[in-house]
Amino acid sequence: MSDLNFSDLETDFDDIEGIDTSSDEHTYFEKCLKCGGTGNWVGGYTNHVVRKCFACNGAGTKEFKTSPEARKAAKASRDKASRDRIEANAERGAAYLEANFGSKWISAQNTFDHLPDEPDY
């Protein structure tokens, strides 16, 4: 095998596009919602047990790299995308049923004429 020598290779990683090497100085701390900022988790139905909070590891605060507003906007965007995906799937399903089975047969199968008017209690 040949010996590879990389000592003469000079690369400035700041010049490479798509790689962020700058240190992010913004850190957001929030009170842990699982333990209420105490660092202790209290749980159990009959025997109340106090343990170190698993969510914040007993610190009482959680550290985030993005602001609460940015996380809230990202969650709203994810929720909207999920709703749009569900609506699109419902429309595709209805179009598939219409194209393959016809709505008259489906509506005939979904009637409740076979049920009695009043239940026998």
Protein backbone atom coordinates (compact mmCIF):
# COMPACT_ATOMS: atom_id res chain seq x y z
CA MET A 1 0.00 0.00 0.00
CA SER A 2 1.08 3.50 -0.65
CA ASP A 3 1.36 5.96 2.16
CA LEU A 4 -1.07 8.85 1.80
CA ASN A 5 0.08 12.25 2.96
CA PHE A 6 -2.63 14.78 3.67
CA SER A 7 -0.44 17.29 5.49
CA ASP A 8 -0.11 19.56 2.47
CA LEU A 9 -3.86 19.70 1.95
CA GLU A 10 -5.17 23.10 2.96
CA THR A 11 -8.92 23.50 3.17
CA ASP A 12 -10.84 26.31 4.73
CA PHE A 13 -14.13 24.78 5.83
CA ASP A 14 -15.81 28.19 5.96
CA ASP A 15 -15.58 28.34 2.17
CA ILE A 16 -17.55 25.14 1.61
CA GLU A 17 -21.18 25.85 0.75
CA GLY A 18 -23.89 24.08 2.74
CA ILE A 19 -21.75 23.53 5.84
CA ASP A 20 -22.32 25.92 8.69
CA THR A 21 -19.26 25.91 10.91
CA SER A 22 -20.10 29.06 12.82
CA SER A 23 -21.00 28.54 16.44
CA ASP A 24 -24.58 29.39 17.29
CA GLU A 25 -24.56 31.80 20.18
CA HIS A 26 -28.35 31.75 20.65
CA THR A 27 -29.55 29.27 23.20
CA TYR A 28 -33.08 29.39 24.52
CA PHE A 29 -33.92 28.02 27.95
CA GLU A 30 -37.47 27.20 28.93
CA LYS A 31 -39.05 25.74 32.02
CA CYS A 32 -39.64 22.00 31.62
CA LEU A 33 -43.34 21.34 31.08
CA LYS A 34 -43.21 17.77 32.39
CA CYS A 35 -42.00 18.63 35.89
CA GLY A 36 -43.02 22.29 36.05
CA GLY A 37 -39.41 23.40 36.45
CA THR A 38 -38.77 21.49 39.66
CA GLY A 39 -36.65 18.74 38.12
CA ASN A 40 -38.71 16.15 39.99
CA TRP A 41 -41.37 13.97 38.40
CA VAL A 42 -44.22 13.01 40.71
CA GLY A 43 -46.33 10.12 39.51
CA GLY A 44 -48.12 6.93 40.32
CA TYR A 45 -51.73 6.14 41.04
CA THR A 46 -51.56 4.69 44.51
CA ASN A 47 -48.00 5.28 45.67
CA HIS A 48 -46.83 8.71 44.60
CA VAL A 49 -43.22 8.38 43.58
CA VAL A 50 -40.84 11.30 43.26
CA ARG A 51 -38.10 10.73 40.70
CA LYS A 52 -35.74 12.76 38.60
CA CYS A 53 -37.60 14.14 35.56
CA PHE A 54 -36.82 12.14 32.44
CA ALA A 55 -37.60 15.03 30.08
CA CYS A 56 -35.09 17.52 31.49
CA ASN A 57 -32.88 15.03 33.34
CA GLY A 58 -33.57 16.80 36.63
CA ALA A 59 -32.42 20.24 35.48
CA GLY A 60 -35.85 21.86 35.51
CA THR A 61 -35.13 23.66 32.26
CA LYS A 62 -34.79 22.56 28.67
CA GLU A 63 -32.34 24.01 26.18
CA PHE A 64 -33.37 24.79 22.60
CA LYS A 65 -31.45 26.20 19.64
CA THR A 66 -34.53 27.82 18.11
CA SER A 67 -36.85 30.41 19.59
CA PRO A 68 -40.28 29.45 20.90
CA GLU A 69 -41.87 31.47 18.09
CA ALA A 70 -39.91 29.56 15.43
CA ARG A 71 -40.84 26.20 16.98
CA LYS A 72 -44.50 27.26 17.16
CA ALA A 73 -44.44 28.30 13.49
CA ALA A 74 -42.79 25.00 12.50
CA LYS A 75 -45.44 23.03 14.41
CA ALA A 76 -48.22 24.98 12.68
CA SER A 77 -46.59 24.25 9.33
CA ARG A 78 -46.33 20.53 10.12
CA ASP A 79 -49.97 20.45 11.27
CA LYS A 80 -51.12 22.20 8.09
CA ALA A 81 -49.12 19.78 5.93
CA SER A 82 -50.67 16.86 7.81
CA ARG A 83 -54.21 18.22 7.33
CA ASP A 84 -53.52 18.83 3.63
CA ARG A 85 -52.21 15.28 3.24
CA ILE A 86 -55.29 13.83 4.96
CA GLU A 87 -57.63 15.87 2.75
CA ALA A 88 -55.76 14.85 -0.40
CA ASN A 89 -55.94 11.17 0.61
CA ALA A 90 -59.69 11.48 1.25
CA GLU A 91 -60.21 13.08 -2.16
CA ARG A 92 -58.15 10.38 -3.88
CA GLY A 93 -60.08 7.68 -2.02
CA ALA A 94 -63.42 9.17 -3.03
CA ALA A 95 -62.29 9.44 -6.66
CA TYR A 96 -61.09 5.82 -6.58
CA LEU A 97 -64.38 4.58 -5.16
CA GLU A 98 -66.34 6.60 -7.68
CA ALA A 99 -64.27 5.33 -10.60
CA ASN A 100 -64.22 1.69 -9.55
CA PHE A 101 -67.46 0.99 -7.71
CA GLY A 102 -69.90 3.79 -8.45
CA SER A 103 -71.58 5.90 -5.83
CA LYS A 104 -75.02 4.30 -6.20
CA TRP A 105 -73.84 0.89 -5.02
CA ILE A 106 -71.92 2.42 -2.10
CA SER A 107 -74.83 4.58 -1.00
CA ALA A 108 -77.14 1.56 -1.25
CA GLN A 109 -74.82 -0.40 1.04
CA ASN A 110 -74.59 2.39 3.62
CA THR A 111 -78.28 2.61 4.40
CA PHE A 112 -79.60 1.70 7.79
CA ASP A 113 -82.99 0.40 6.62
CA HIS A 114 -82.32 -2.98 8.16
CA LEU A 115 -82.25 -1.56 11.69
CA PRO A 116 -85.43 -1.49 13.78
CA ASP A 117 -87.02 1.86 14.54
CA GLU A 118 -86.90 1.39 18.29
CA PRO A 119 -84.40 -0.79 20.10
CA ASP A 120 -85.73 -3.53 22.39
CA TYR A 121 -84.37 -2.75 25.85
